[in-house]
Amino acid sequence: MVIKILGSGCKNCQNLYKNTLEALEILGIEAQVLKVEDINEIMSYGVMKTPALVVDDEVKIMGRVAKSKELTKLIKN
Protein backbone atom coordinates (compact mmCIF):
# COMPACT_ATOMS: atom_id res chain seq x y z
CA MET A 1 0.00 0.00 0.00
CA VAL A 2 1.26 3.44 -0.94
CA ILE A 3 -0.20 6.50 0.76
CA LYS A 4 0.65 9.99 -0.39
CA ILE A 5 0.09 13.24 1.47
CA LEU A 6 -0.20 16.00 -1.11
CA GLY A 7 0.58 19.56 -0.09
CA SER A 8 3.12 22.31 0.29
CA GLY A 9 4.39 21.15 3.66
CA CYS A 10 2.16 23.53 5.64
CA LYS A 11 0.94 22.83 9.17
CA ASN A 12 -2.24 21.16 7.88
CA CYS A 13 -0.18 18.89 5.64
CA GLN A 14 2.02 17.95 8.58
CA ASN A 15 -1.05 17.21 10.71
CA LEU A 16 -2.57 14.98 8.02
CA TYR A 17 0.75 13.12 7.77
CA LYS A 18 0.87 12.62 11.56
CA ASN A 19 -2.77 11.49 11.71
CA THR A 20 -2.16 9.05 8.84
CA LEU A 21 0.75 7.46 10.69
CA GLU A 22 -1.44 7.15 13.80
CA ALA A 23 -4.22 5.51 11.76
CA LEU A 24 -1.79 2.98 10.31
CA GLU A 25 -0.53 2.18 13.80
CA ILE A 26 -4.11 1.68 15.05
CA LEU A 27 -4.83 -0.66 12.13
CA GLY A 28 -1.53 -2.48 12.48
CA ILE A 29 -0.89 -2.00 8.76
CA GLU A 30 2.44 -1.26 7.16
CA ALA A 31 2.40 1.17 4.26
CA GLN A 32 4.75 3.43 2.41
CA VAL A 33 3.79 7.00 3.33
CA LEU A 34 5.15 9.72 1.08
CA LYS A 35 4.95 13.50 1.23
CA VAL A 36 4.40 15.01 -2.21
CA GLU A 37 5.15 18.72 -2.51
CA ASP A 38 5.66 18.95 -6.30
CA ILE A 39 2.80 21.07 -7.67
CA ASN A 40 2.76 19.23 -11.01
CA GLU A 41 2.36 15.85 -9.31
CA ILE A 42 -0.34 17.26 -7.02
CA MET A 43 -2.21 18.65 -10.04
CA SER A 44 -1.93 15.29 -11.83
CA TYR A 45 -4.37 13.89 -9.24
CA GLY A 46 -6.87 16.67 -9.95
CA VAL A 47 -6.34 18.11 -6.47
CA MET A 48 -7.08 21.81 -6.24
CA LYS A 49 -7.04 22.15 -2.42
CA THR A 50 -4.46 20.73 -0.08
CA PRO A 51 -3.79 18.84 2.03
CA ALA A 52 -4.98 15.74 0.22
CA LEU A 53 -4.72 12.04 0.96
CA VAL A 54 -4.12 9.53 -1.82
CA VAL A 55 -4.31 5.79 -1.14
CA ASP A 56 -3.04 3.55 -3.93
CA ASP A 57 -3.52 6.35 -6.49
CA GLU A 58 -7.10 7.13 -5.38
CA VAL A 59 -7.81 10.55 -3.85
CA LYS A 60 -9.65 9.95 -0.56
CA ILE A 61 -9.58 13.42 1.04
CA MET A 62 -9.00 16.89 -0.37
CA GLY A 63 -8.75 20.28 1.32
CA ARG A 64 -8.96 19.24 4.95
CA VAL A 65 -7.25 17.40 7.78
CA ALA A 66 -8.99 14.19 8.79
CA LYS A 67 -8.66 12.73 12.26
CA SER A 68 -7.01 9.36 12.82
CA LYS A 69 -10.34 7.60 13.41
CA GLU A 70 -11.74 8.70 10.05
CA LEU A 71 -8.48 7.82 8.33
CA THR A 72 -8.62 4.26 9.65
CA LYS A 73 -11.91 3.79 7.80
CA LEU A 74 -10.61 5.33 4.58
CA ILE A 75 -7.38 3.32 4.60
CA LYS A 76 -9.12 0.06 5.52
CA ASN A 77 -11.58 0.33 2.60
PDB file of N, CA and C in Angstrom:
ATOM      1  N   MET A   1       0.848  -1.178   0.000  1.00  0.00           N
ATOM      2  CA  MET A   1       0.000   0.000   0.000  1.00  0.00           C
ATOM      3  C   MET A   1       0.889   1.235   0.000  1.00  0.00           C
ATOM      4  N   VAL A   2       0.543   2.174  -0.867  1.00  0.00           N
ATOM      5  CA  VAL A   2       1.259   3.441  -0.935  1.00  0.00           C
ATOM      6  C   VAL A   2       0.278   4.563  -0.629  1.00  0.00           C
ATOM      7  N   ILE A   3       0.631   5.366   0.360  1.00  0.00           N
ATOM      8  CA  ILE A   3      -0.199   6.498   0.763  1.00  0.00           C
ATOM      9  C   ILE A   3       0.606   7.761   0.520  1.00  0.00           C
ATOM     10  N   LYS A   4      -0.028   8.729  -0.121  1.00  0.00           N
ATOM     11  CA  LYS A   4       0.645   9.995  -0.390  1.00  0.00           C
ATOM     12  C   LYS A   4      -0.120  11.135   0.269  1.00  0.00           C
ATOM     13  N   ILE A   5       0.641  12.012   0.913  1.00  0.00           N
ATOM     14  CA  ILE A   5       0.089  13.239   1.473  1.00  0.00           C
ATOM     15  C   ILE A   5       0.496  14.348   0.513  1.00  0.00           C
ATOM     16  N   LEU A   6      -0.484  14.956  -0.137  1.00  0.00           N
ATOM     17  CA  LEU A   6      -0.200  16.003  -1.109  1.00  0.00           C
ATOM     18  C   LEU A   6      -0.353  17.362  -0.459  1.00  0.00           C
ATOM     19  N   GLY A   7       0.656  18.218  -0.635  1.00  0.00           N
ATOM     20  CA  GLY A   7       0.583  19.562  -0.092  1.00  0.00           C
ATOM     21  C   GLY A   7       1.935  20.234  -0.070  1.00  0.00           C
ATOM     22  N   SER A   8       1.919  21.485   0.319  1.00  0.00           N
ATOM     23  CA  SER A   8       3.124  22.311   0.291  1.00  0.00           C
ATOM     24  C   SER A   8       4.037  22.112   1.493  1.00  0.00           C
ATOM     25  N   GLY A   9       3.602  21.326   2.450  1.00  0.00           N
ATOM     26  CA  GLY A   9       4.391  21.154   3.665  1.00  0.00           C
ATOM     27  C   GLY A   9       3.907  22.049   4.798  1.00  0.00           C
ATOM     28  N   CYS A  10       2.733  22.637   4.631  1.00  0.00           N
ATOM     29  CA  CYS A  10       2.160  23.533   5.640  1.00  0.00           C
ATOM     30  C   CYS A  10       1.768  22.741   6.897  1.00  0.00           C
ATOM     31  N   LYS A  11       1.322  23.463   7.897  1.00  0.00           N
ATOM     32  CA  LYS A  11       0.936  22.830   9.169  1.00  0.00           C
ATOM     33  C   LYS A  11      -0.181  21.802   8.963  1.00  0.00           C
ATOM     34  N   ASN A  12      -1.162  22.106   8.135  1.00  0.00           N
ATOM     35  CA  ASN A  12      -2.244  21.156   7.884  1.00  0.00           C
ATOM     36  C   ASN A  12      -1.717  19.886   7.215  1.00  0.00           C
ATOM     37  N   CYS A  13      -0.784  20.049   6.309  1.00  0.00           N
ATOM     38  CA  CYS A  13      -0.184  18.887   5.638  1.00  0.00           C
ATOM     39  C   CYS A  13       0.562  18.022   6.655  1.00  0.00           C
ATOM     40  N   GLN A  14       1.280  18.665   7.539  1.00  0.00           N
ATOM     41  CA  GLN A  14       2.019  17.952   8.582  1.00  0.00           C
ATOM     42  C   GLN A  14       1.059  17.216   9.511  1.00  0.00           C
ATOM     43  N   ASN A  15      -0.060  17.848   9.843  1.00  0.00           N
ATOM     44  CA  ASN A  15      -1.048  17.209  10.715  1.00  0.00           C
ATOM     45  C   ASN A  15      -1.697  16.003  10.042  1.00  0.00           C
ATOM     46  N   LEU A  16      -1.995  16.109   8.742  1.00  0.00           N
ATOM     47  CA  LEU A  16      -2.571  14.980   8.020  1.00  0.00           C
ATOM     48  C   LEU A  16      -1.566  13.826   7.961  1.00  0.00           C
ATOM     49  N   TYR A  17      -0.303  14.142   7.779  1.00  0.00           N
ATOM     50  CA  TYR A  17       0.751  13.121   7.768  1.00  0.00           C
ATOM     51  C   TYR A  17       0.800  12.403   9.119  1.00  0.00           C
ATOM     52  N   LYS A  18       0.812  13.184  10.200  1.00  0.00           N
ATOM     53  CA  LYS A  18       0.867  12.622  11.557  1.00  0.00           C
ATOM     54  C   LYS A  18      -0.357  11.756  11.840  1.00  0.00           C
ATOM     55  N   ASN A  19      -1.535  12.245  11.485  1.00  0.00           N
ATOM     56  CA  ASN A  19      -2.767  11.488  11.711  1.00  0.00           C
ATOM     57  C   ASN A  19      -2.795  10.205  10.879  1.00  0.00           C
ATOM     58  N   THR A  20      -2.228  10.243   9.693  1.00  0.00           N
ATOM     59  CA  THR A  20      -2.161   9.055   8.841  1.00  0.00           C
ATOM     60  C   THR A  20      -1.278   7.990   9.480  1.00  0.00           C
ATOM     61  N   LEU A  21      -0.136   8.410  10.010  1.00  0.00           N
ATOM     62  CA  LEU A  21       0.755   7.461  10.688  1.00  0.00           C
ATOM     63  C   LEU A  21       0.062   6.848  11.902  1.00  0.00           C
ATOM     64  N   GLU A  22      -0.686   7.649  12.638  1.00  0.00           N
ATOM     65  CA  GLU A  22      -1.435   7.154  13.798  1.00  0.00           C
ATOM     66  C   GLU A  22      -2.491   6.136  13.357  1.00  0.00           C
ATOM     67  N   ALA A  23      -3.184   6.419  12.265  1.00  0.00           N
ATOM     68  CA  ALA A  23      -4.219   5.513  11.759  1.00  0.00           C
ATOM     69  C   ALA A  23      -3.602   4.174  11.350  1.00  0.00           C
ATOM     70  N   LEU A  24      -2.455   4.218  10.714  1.00  0.00           N
ATOM     71  CA  LEU A  24      -1.785   2.978  10.315  1.00  0.00           C
ATOM     72  C   LEU A  24      -1.368   2.163  11.529  1.00  0.00           C
ATOM     73  N   GLU A  25      -0.922   2.870  12.567  1.00  0.00           N
ATOM     74  CA  GLU A  25      -0.530   2.184  13.803  1.00  0.00           C
ATOM     75  C   GLU A  25      -1.748   1.527  14.457  1.00  0.00           C
ATOM     76  N   ILE A  26      -2.863   2.219  14.487  1.00  0.00           N
ATOM     77  CA  ILE A  26      -4.106   1.676  15.055  1.00  0.00           C
ATOM     78  C   ILE A  26      -4.527   0.416  14.304  1.00  0.00           C
ATOM     79  N   LEU A  27      -4.432   0.470  12.966  1.00  0.00           N
ATOM     80  CA  LEU A  27      -4.834  -0.656  12.135  1.00  0.00           C
ATOM     81  C   LEU A  27      -3.811  -1.792  12.131  1.00  0.00           C
ATOM     82  N   GLY A  28      -2.586  -1.477  12.523  1.00  0.00           N
ATOM     83  CA  GLY A  28      -1.528  -2.483  12.475  1.00  0.00           C
ATOM     84  C   GLY A  28      -1.116  -2.810  11.053  1.00  0.00           C
ATOM     85  N   ILE A  29      -1.221  -1.820  10.178  1.00  0.00           N
ATOM     86  CA  ILE A  29      -0.894  -2.000   8.765  1.00  0.00           C
ATOM     87  C   ILE A  29       0.410  -1.270   8.453  1.00  0.00           C
ATOM     88  N   GLU A  30       1.236  -1.916   7.645  1.00  0.00           N
ATOM     89  CA  GLU A  30       2.441  -1.255   7.162  1.00  0.00           C
ATOM     90  C   GLU A  30       2.158  -0.695   5.789  1.00  0.00           C
ATOM     91  N   ALA A  31       2.593   0.524   5.553  1.00  0.00           N
ATOM     92  CA  ALA A  31       2.397   1.166   4.256  1.00  0.00           C
ATOM     93  C   ALA A  31       3.541   2.144   4.022  1.00  0.00           C
ATOM     94  N   GLN A  32       3.783   2.414   2.764  1.00  0.00           N
ATOM     95  CA  GLN A  32       4.754   3.430   2.411  1.00  0.00           C
ATOM     96  C   GLN A  32       4.012   4.763   2.405  1.00  0.00           C
ATOM     97  N   VAL A  33       4.447   5.702   3.237  1.00  0.00           N
ATOM     98  CA  VAL A  33       3.791   7.003   3.332  1.00  0.00           C
ATOM     99  C   VAL A  33       4.747   8.055   2.785  1.00  0.00           C
ATOM    100  N   LEU A  34       4.315   8.732   1.752  1.00  0.00           N
ATOM    101  CA  LEU A  34       5.152   9.716   1.075  1.00  0.00           C
ATOM    102  C   LEU A  34       4.539  11.102   1.166  1.00  0.00           C
ATOM    103  N   LYS A  35       5.395  12.105   1.306  1.00  0.00           N
ATOM    104  CA  LYS A  35       4.949  13.495   1.229  1.00  0.00           C
ATOM    105  C   LYS A  35       5.247  13.968  -0.191  1.00  0.00           C
ATOM    106  N   VAL A  36       4.240  14.507  -0.847  1.00  0.00           N
ATOM    107  CA  VAL A  36       4.399  15.008  -2.211  1.00  0.00           C
ATOM    108  C   VAL A  36       4.181  16.516  -2.190  1.00  0.00           C
ATOM    109  N   GLU A  37       5.230  17.262  -2.519  1.00  0.00           N
ATOM    110  CA  GLU A  37       5.146  18.716  -2.514  1.00  0.00           C
ATOM    111  C   GLU A  37       5.256  19.312  -3.917  1.00  0.00           C
ATOM    112  N   ASP A  38       5.525  18.479  -4.921  1.00  0.00           N
ATOM    113  CA  ASP A  38       5.657  18.947  -6.296  1.00  0.00           C
ATOM    114  C   ASP A  38       4.277  19.309  -6.854  1.00  0.00           C
ATOM    115  N   ILE A  39       4.117  20.570  -7.240  1.00  0.00           N
ATOM    116  CA  ILE A  39       2.805  21.068  -7.669  1.00  0.00           C
ATOM    117  C   ILE A  39       2.292  20.327  -8.907  1.00  0.00           C
ATOM    118  N   ASN A  40       3.182  19.952  -9.803  1.00  0.00           N
ATOM    119  CA  ASN A  40       2.755  19.232 -11.009  1.00  0.00           C
ATOM    120  C   ASN A  40       2.207  17.848 -10.668  1.00  0.00           C
ATOM    121  N   GLU A  41       2.858  17.165  -9.726  1.00  0.00           N
ATOM    122  CA  GLU A  41       2.360  15.853  -9.313  1.00  0.00           C
ATOM    123  C   GLU A  41       1.029  15.990  -8.572  1.00  0.00           C
ATOM    124  N   ILE A  42       0.917  17.008  -7.735  1.00  0.00           N
ATOM    125  CA  ILE A  42      -0.340  17.256  -7.018  1.00  0.00           C
ATOM    126  C   ILE A  42      -1.468  17.510  -8.021  1.00  0.00           C
ATOM    127  N   MET A  43      -1.197  18.322  -9.020  1.00  0.00           N
ATOM    128  CA  MET A  43      -2.214  18.646 -10.037  1.00  0.00           C
ATOM    129  C   MET A  43      -2.588  17.421 -10.870  1.00  0.00           C
ATOM    130  N   SER A  44      -1.653  16.483 -11.025  1.00  0.00           N
ATOM    131  CA  SER A  44      -1.932  15.288 -11.831  1.00  0.00           C
ATOM    132  C   SER A  44      -3.037  14.436 -11.215  1.00  0.00           C
ATOM    133  N   TYR A  45      -3.277  14.608  -9.919  1.00  0.00           N
ATOM    134  CA  TYR A  45      -4.365  13.893  -9.239  1.00  0.00           C
ATOM    135  C   TYR A  45      -5.678  14.665  -9.299  1.00  0.00           C
ATOM    136  N   GLY A  46      -5.668  15.850  -9.879  1.00  0.00           N
ATOM    137  CA  GLY A  46      -6.870  16.671  -9.945  1.00  0.00           C
ATOM    138  C   GLY A  46      -7.157  17.398  -8.649  1.00  0.00           C
ATOM    139  N   VAL A  47      -6.172  17.472  -7.782  1.00  0.00           N
ATOM    140  CA  VAL A  47      -6.335  18.109  -6.469  1.00  0.00           C
ATOM    141  C   VAL A  47      -6.146  19.616  -6.611  1.00  0.00           C
ATOM    142  N   MET A  48      -7.142  20.355  -6.175  1.00  0.00           N
ATOM    143  CA  MET A  48      -7.082  21.812  -6.235  1.00  0.00           C
ATOM    144  C   MET A  48      -6.923  22.439  -4.856  1.00  0.00           C
ATOM    145  N   LYS A  49      -7.198  21.662  -3.797  1.00  0.00           N
ATOM    146  CA  LYS A  49      -7.041  22.149  -2.423  1.00  0.00           C
ATOM    147  C   LYS A  49      -6.233  21.125  -1.648  1.00  0.00           C
ATOM    148  N   THR A  50      -5.265  21.617  -0.914  1.00  0.00           N
ATOM    149  CA  THR A  50      -4.459  20.729  -0.080  1.00  0.00           C
ATOM    150  C   THR A  50      -4.743  21.035   1.381  1.00  0.00           C
ATOM    151  N   PRO A  51      -4.441  20.118   2.276  1.00  0.00           N
ATOM    152  CA  PRO A  51      -3.791  18.840   2.025  1.00  0.00           C
ATOM    153  C   PRO A  51      -4.765  17.834   1.415  1.00  0.00           C
ATOM    154  N   ALA A  52      -4.174  16.821   0.800  1.00  0.00           N
ATOM    155  CA  ALA A  52      -4.980  15.745   0.220  1.00  0.00           C
ATOM    156  C   ALA A  52      -4.342  14.414   0.579  1.00  0.00           C
ATOM    157  N   LEU A  53      -5.171  13.390   0.656  1.00  0.00           N
ATOM    158  CA  LEU A  53      -4.716  12.041   0.963  1.00  0.00           C
ATOM    159  C   LEU A  53      -5.011  11.148  -0.229  1.00  0.00           C
ATOM    160  N   VAL A  54      -3.981  10.449  -0.691  1.00  0.00           N
ATOM    161  CA  VAL A  54      -4.117   9.535  -1.817  1.00  0.00           C
ATOM    162  C   VAL A  54      -3.709   8.146  -1.347  1.00  0.00           C
ATOM    163  N   VAL A  55      -4.596   7.174  -1.515  1.00  0.00           N
ATOM    164  CA  VAL A  55      -4.306   5.788  -1.138  1.00  0.00           C
ATOM    165  C   VAL A  55      -4.317   4.956  -2.406  1.00  0.00           C
ATOM    166  N   ASP A  56      -3.174   4.360  -2.714  1.00  0.00           N
ATOM    167  CA  ASP A  56      -3.040   3.546  -3.929  1.00  0.00           C
ATOM    168  C   ASP A  56      -3.604   4.269  -5.148  1.00  0.00           C
ATOM    169  N   ASP A  57      -3.163   5.507  -5.343  1.00  0.00           N
ATOM    170  CA  ASP A  57      -3.518   6.353  -6.493  1.00  0.00           C
ATOM    171  C   ASP A  57      -4.982   6.780  -6.551  1.00  0.00           C
ATOM    172  N   GLU A  58      -5.718   6.656  -5.451  1.00  0.00           N
ATOM    173  CA  GLU A  58      -7.103   7.130  -5.381  1.00  0.00           C
ATOM    174  C   GLU A  58      -7.198   8.238  -4.336  1.00  0.00           C
ATOM    175  N   VAL A  59      -7.666   9.420  -4.761  1.00  0.00           N
ATOM    176  CA  VAL A  59      -7.814  10.548  -3.847  1.00  0.00           C
ATOM    177  C   VAL A  59      -8.955  10.239  -2.881  1.00  0.00           C
ATOM    178  N   LYS A  60      -8.652  10.250  -1.592  1.00  0.00           N
ATOM    179  CA  LYS A  60      -9.646   9.948  -0.561  1.00  0.00           C
ATOM    180  C   LYS A  60     -10.143  11.211   0.145  1.00  0.00           C
ATOM    181  N   ILE A  61      -9.241  12.186   0.336  1.00  0.00           N
ATOM    182  CA  ILE A  61      -9.584  13.424   1.043  1.00  0.00           C
ATOM    183  C   ILE A  61      -8.891  14.579   0.332  1.00  0.00           C
ATOM    184  N   MET A  62      -9.585  15.709   0.245  1.00  0.00           N
ATOM    185  CA  MET A  62      -9.000  16.890  -0.374  1.00  0.00           C
ATOM    186  C   MET A  62      -9.425  18.138   0.394  1.00  0.00           C
ATOM    187  N   GLY A  63      -8.448  18.971   0.735  1.00  0.00           N
ATOM    188  CA  GLY A  63      -8.746  20.277   1.316  1.00  0.00           C
ATOM    189  C   GLY A  63      -9.042  20.314   2.794  1.00  0.00           C
ATOM    190  N   ARG A  64      -8.730  19.223   3.501  1.00  0.00           N
ATOM    191  CA  ARG A  64      -8.959  19.238   4.952  1.00  0.00           C
ATOM    192  C   ARG A  64      -8.087  18.200   5.639  1.00  0.00           C
ATOM    193  N   VAL A  65      -8.008  18.346   6.954  1.00  0.00           N
ATOM    194  CA  VAL A  65      -7.254  17.405   7.777  1.00  0.00           C
ATOM    195  C   VAL A  65      -8.243  16.462   8.452  1.00  0.00           C
ATOM    196  N   ALA A  66      -8.118  15.191   8.162  1.00  0.00           N
ATOM    197  CA  ALA A  66      -8.989  14.186   8.788  1.00  0.00           C
ATOM    198  C   ALA A  66      -8.340  13.682  10.069  1.00  0.00           C
ATOM    199  N   LYS A  67      -9.162  13.310  11.010  1.00  0.00           N
ATOM    200  CA  LYS A  67      -8.665  12.731  12.262  1.00  0.00           C
ATOM    201  C   LYS A  67      -8.303  11.267  12.038  1.00  0.00           C
ATOM    202  N   SER A  68      -7.497  10.731  12.936  1.00  0.00           N
ATOM    203  CA  SER A  68      -7.008   9.356  12.821  1.00  0.00           C
ATOM    204  C   SER A  68      -8.141   8.347  12.676  1.00  0.00           C
ATOM    205  N   LYS A  69      -9.214   8.542  13.440  1.00  0.00           N
ATOM    206  CA  LYS A  69     -10.338   7.596  13.413  1.00  0.00           C
ATOM    207  C   LYS A  69     -10.971   7.523  12.019  1.00  0.00           C
ATOM    208  N   GLU A  70     -11.181   8.674  11.401  1.00  0.00           N
ATOM    209  CA  GLU A  70     -11.743   8.698  10.047  1.00  0.00           C
ATOM    210  C   GLU A  70     -10.768   8.076   9.046  1.00  0.00           C
ATOM    211  N   LEU A  71      -9.498   8.355   9.231  1.00  0.00           N
ATOM    212  CA  LEU A  71      -8.480   7.819   8.327  1.00  0.00           C
ATOM    213  C   LEU A  71      -8.405   6.305   8.384  1.00  0.00           C
ATOM    214  N   THR A  72      -8.643   5.720   9.550  1.00  0.00           N
ATOM    215  CA  THR A  72      -8.618   4.258   9.648  1.00  0.00           C
ATOM    216  C   THR A  72      -9.674   3.656   8.726  1.00  0.00           C
ATOM    217  N   LYS A  73     -10.844   4.273   8.664  1.00  0.00           N
ATOM    218  CA  LYS A  73     -11.912   3.790   7.798  1.00  0.00           C
ATOM    219  C   LYS A  73     -11.554   3.935   6.324  1.00  0.00           C
ATOM    220  N   LEU A  74     -10.968   5.078   5.970  1.00  0.00           N
ATOM    221  CA  LEU A  74     -10.606   5.334   4.581  1.00  0.00           C
ATOM    222  C   LEU A  74      -9.480   4.401   4.102  1.00  0.00           C
ATOM    223  N   ILE A  75      -8.520   4.161   4.963  1.00  0.00           N
ATOM    224  CA  ILE A  75      -7.384   3.318   4.605  1.00  0.00           C
ATOM    225  C   ILE A  75      -7.815   1.863   4.521  1.00  0.00           C
ATOM    226  N   LYS A  76      -8.666   1.455   5.450  1.00  0.00           N
ATOM    227  CA  LYS A  76      -9.120   0.061   5.519  1.00  0.00           C
ATOM    228  C   LYS A  76      -9.923  -0.324   4.276  1.00  0.00           C
ATOM    229  N   ASN A  77     -10.730   0.609   3.777  1.00  0.00           N
ATOM    230  CA  ASN A  77     -11.584   0.325   2.604  1.00  0.00           C
ATOM    231  C   ASN A  77     -10.760   0.492   1.388  1.00  0.00           C
TER     232      ASN A  77
END
